């Protein structure tokens, strides 16, 4: 499965830096980098925390596809 994420798109639209998003959701900036590059599958809590920051449903931000 591959992760498709809109974290970077939403973050840039909101004018938030990676470090700012990381602070808001309680992770390191590197975690946000890996999320944006689809190299890290977020925990349910992290996915929900990110969704809350952007006021979007989780499924609008994260999607899994079959490889």
N, C-alpha and C. Protein backbone atom coordinates (compact mmCIF):
# COMPACT_ATOMS: atom_id res chain seq x y z
N UNK A 1 0.83 -1.19 0.00
CA UNK A 1 0.00 0.00 0.00
C UNK A 1 0.88 1.25 0.00
N UNK A 2 0.41 2.24 -0.67
CA UNK A 2 1.11 3.52 -0.72
C UNK A 2 0.23 4.59 -0.08
N UNK A 3 0.87 5.50 0.61
CA UNK A 3 0.16 6.59 1.26
C UNK A 3 0.15 7.81 0.35
N UNK A 4 -1.04 8.35 0.13
CA UNK A 4 -1.18 9.61 -0.59
C UNK A 4 -1.65 10.62 0.45
N UNK A 5 -0.94 11.73 0.54
CA UNK A 5 -1.25 12.71 1.56
C UNK A 5 -1.35 14.12 0.99
N UNK A 6 -2.23 14.91 1.56
CA UNK A 6 -2.38 16.31 1.16
C UNK A 6 -1.82 17.24 2.23
N UNK A 7 -0.99 16.72 3.13
CA UNK A 7 -0.47 17.53 4.23
C UNK A 7 0.29 18.73 3.69
N UNK A 8 1.20 18.51 2.75
CA UNK A 8 2.01 19.62 2.23
C UNK A 8 1.12 20.67 1.56
N UNK A 9 0.20 20.22 0.75
CA UNK A 9 -0.71 21.13 0.04
C UNK A 9 -1.51 21.98 1.03
N UNK A 10 -2.09 21.34 2.03
CA UNK A 10 -2.89 22.06 3.02
C UNK A 10 -2.03 22.99 3.87
N UNK A 11 -0.84 22.52 4.22
CA UNK A 11 0.07 23.32 5.04
C UNK A 11 0.49 24.59 4.29
N UNK A 12 0.83 24.45 3.02
CA UNK A 12 1.25 25.60 2.22
C UNK A 12 0.09 26.57 2.01
N UNK A 13 -1.12 26.04 1.78
CA UNK A 13 -2.30 26.90 1.61
C UNK A 13 -2.56 27.71 2.87
N UNK A 14 -2.29 27.10 4.03
CA UNK A 14 -2.52 27.77 5.31
C UNK A 14 -1.37 28.68 5.71
N UNK A 15 -0.26 28.61 4.97
CA UNK A 15 0.90 29.44 5.28
C UNK A 15 1.60 29.02 6.56
N UNK A 16 1.58 27.70 6.83
CA UNK A 16 2.20 27.16 8.04
C UNK A 16 3.51 26.47 7.66
N UNK A 17 4.57 26.73 8.42
CA UNK A 17 5.86 26.05 8.20
C UNK A 17 5.78 24.64 8.76
N UNK A 18 6.65 23.78 8.25
CA UNK A 18 6.70 22.40 8.74
C UNK A 18 6.91 22.37 10.25
N UNK A 19 7.80 23.22 10.73
CA UNK A 19 8.09 23.25 12.17
C UNK A 19 6.88 23.70 12.98
N UNK A 20 6.10 24.60 12.43
CA UNK A 20 4.90 25.07 13.13
C UNK A 20 3.85 23.96 13.22
N UNK A 21 3.65 23.25 12.12
CA UNK A 21 2.70 22.14 12.13
C UNK A 21 3.18 21.07 13.11
N UNK A 22 4.45 20.78 13.08
CA UNK A 22 5.01 19.77 13.99
C UNK A 22 4.74 20.15 15.44
N UNK A 23 4.93 21.40 15.78
CA UNK A 23 4.69 21.86 17.15
C UNK A 23 3.22 21.73 17.52
N UNK A 24 2.34 22.07 16.59
CA UNK A 24 0.89 22.00 16.85
C UNK A 24 0.42 20.59 17.14
N UNK A 25 1.05 19.60 16.51
CA UNK A 25 0.59 18.21 16.66
C UNK A 25 1.54 17.37 17.53
N UNK A 26 2.58 17.99 18.06
CA UNK A 26 3.45 17.31 19.01
C UNK A 26 4.42 16.29 18.45
N UNK A 27 4.95 16.57 17.24
CA UNK A 27 5.97 15.69 16.65
C UNK A 27 7.16 16.53 16.20
N UNK A 28 8.22 15.87 15.76
CA UNK A 28 9.39 16.58 15.23
C UNK A 28 9.12 17.01 13.79
N UNK A 29 9.82 18.03 13.34
CA UNK A 29 9.67 18.52 11.97
C UNK A 29 9.96 17.41 10.97
N UNK A 30 10.92 16.56 11.28
CA UNK A 30 11.28 15.46 10.39
C UNK A 30 10.10 14.53 10.13
N UNK A 31 9.25 14.36 11.13
CA UNK A 31 8.06 13.52 10.96
C UNK A 31 7.14 14.12 9.91
N UNK A 32 6.99 15.45 9.94
CA UNK A 32 6.16 16.13 8.95
C UNK A 32 6.77 15.97 7.56
N UNK A 33 8.08 16.10 7.47
CA UNK A 33 8.78 15.91 6.18
C UNK A 33 8.48 14.51 5.63
N UNK A 34 8.62 13.50 6.46
CA UNK A 34 8.37 12.12 6.01
C UNK A 34 6.90 11.90 5.64
N UNK A 35 6.00 12.52 6.41
CA UNK A 35 4.58 12.43 6.07
C UNK A 35 4.30 13.03 4.70
N UNK A 36 4.85 14.21 4.47
CA UNK A 36 4.62 14.91 3.20
C UNK A 36 5.18 14.14 2.02
N UNK A 37 6.23 13.37 2.25
CA UNK A 37 6.84 12.59 1.18
C UNK A 37 6.26 11.18 1.06
N UNK A 38 5.24 10.89 1.87
CA UNK A 38 4.60 9.58 1.83
C UNK A 38 5.48 8.45 2.33
N UNK A 39 6.47 8.79 3.18
CA UNK A 39 7.40 7.78 3.68
C UNK A 39 7.11 7.39 5.12
N UNK A 40 6.03 7.92 5.68
CA UNK A 40 5.67 7.64 7.06
C UNK A 40 4.17 7.52 7.16
N UNK A 41 3.69 6.42 7.73
CA UNK A 41 2.27 6.24 7.95
C UNK A 41 1.94 6.77 9.34
N UNK A 42 1.09 7.77 9.42
CA UNK A 42 0.80 8.35 10.73
C UNK A 42 -0.05 7.43 11.60
N UNK A 43 0.11 7.58 12.90
CA UNK A 43 -0.79 6.89 13.82
C UNK A 43 -2.17 7.51 13.65
N UNK A 44 -3.18 6.84 14.14
CA UNK A 44 -4.53 7.38 14.06
C UNK A 44 -4.61 8.71 14.81
N UNK A 45 -3.97 8.79 15.97
CA UNK A 45 -3.99 10.03 16.75
C UNK A 45 -3.35 11.17 15.98
N UNK A 46 -2.18 10.92 15.38
CA UNK A 46 -1.50 11.97 14.62
C UNK A 46 -2.33 12.39 13.42
N UNK A 47 -2.91 11.44 12.72
CA UNK A 47 -3.75 11.77 11.57
C UNK A 47 -4.93 12.64 11.99
N UNK A 48 -5.54 12.30 13.12
CA UNK A 48 -6.68 13.08 13.60
C UNK A 48 -6.25 14.47 14.09
N UNK A 49 -5.09 14.55 14.73
CA UNK A 49 -4.57 15.86 15.17
C UNK A 49 -4.29 16.77 13.98
N UNK A 50 -3.73 16.21 12.92
CA UNK A 50 -3.45 16.99 11.71
C UNK A 50 -4.76 17.44 11.07
N UNK A 51 -5.72 16.53 11.00
CA UNK A 51 -7.03 16.87 10.44
C UNK A 51 -7.68 18.01 11.21
N UNK A 52 -7.52 17.99 12.53
CA UNK A 52 -8.10 19.03 13.37
C UNK A 52 -7.45 20.39 13.08
N UNK A 53 -6.13 20.40 12.87
CA UNK A 53 -5.42 21.65 12.56
C UNK A 53 -5.99 22.28 11.29
N UNK A 54 -6.26 21.46 10.29
CA UNK A 54 -6.74 21.96 9.00
C UNK A 54 -8.27 21.97 8.89
N UNK A 55 -8.94 21.50 9.95
CA UNK A 55 -10.41 21.44 9.94
C UNK A 55 -10.93 20.67 8.72
N UNK A 56 -10.32 19.52 8.51
CA UNK A 56 -10.67 18.64 7.37
C UNK A 56 -10.90 17.23 7.90
N UNK A 57 -11.76 16.45 7.26
CA UNK A 57 -11.87 15.04 7.63
C UNK A 57 -10.56 14.31 7.31
N UNK A 58 -10.22 13.35 8.14
CA UNK A 58 -8.98 12.59 7.96
C UNK A 58 -8.88 12.02 6.55
N UNK A 59 -10.01 11.49 6.04
CA UNK A 59 -9.97 10.84 4.72
C UNK A 59 -9.74 11.82 3.58
N UNK A 60 -9.89 13.12 3.83
CA UNK A 60 -9.56 14.12 2.81
C UNK A 60 -8.06 14.41 2.77
N UNK A 61 -7.36 14.04 3.83
CA UNK A 61 -5.93 14.34 3.94
C UNK A 61 -5.08 13.11 3.63
N UNK A 62 -5.51 11.95 4.11
CA UNK A 62 -4.73 10.72 3.95
C UNK A 62 -5.54 9.67 3.21
N UNK A 63 -4.91 9.06 2.21
CA UNK A 63 -5.53 7.96 1.47
C UNK A 63 -4.49 6.90 1.19
N UNK A 64 -4.91 5.66 1.27
CA UNK A 64 -4.01 4.55 0.95
C UNK A 64 -4.45 3.96 -0.38
N UNK A 65 -3.48 3.64 -1.22
CA UNK A 65 -3.76 3.01 -2.50
C UNK A 65 -3.03 1.68 -2.59
N UNK A 66 -3.55 0.80 -3.38
CA UNK A 66 -2.89 -0.48 -3.63
C UNK A 66 -1.76 -0.24 -4.64
N UNK A 67 -0.62 -0.84 -4.36
CA UNK A 67 0.51 -0.71 -5.30
C UNK A 67 0.38 -1.69 -6.44
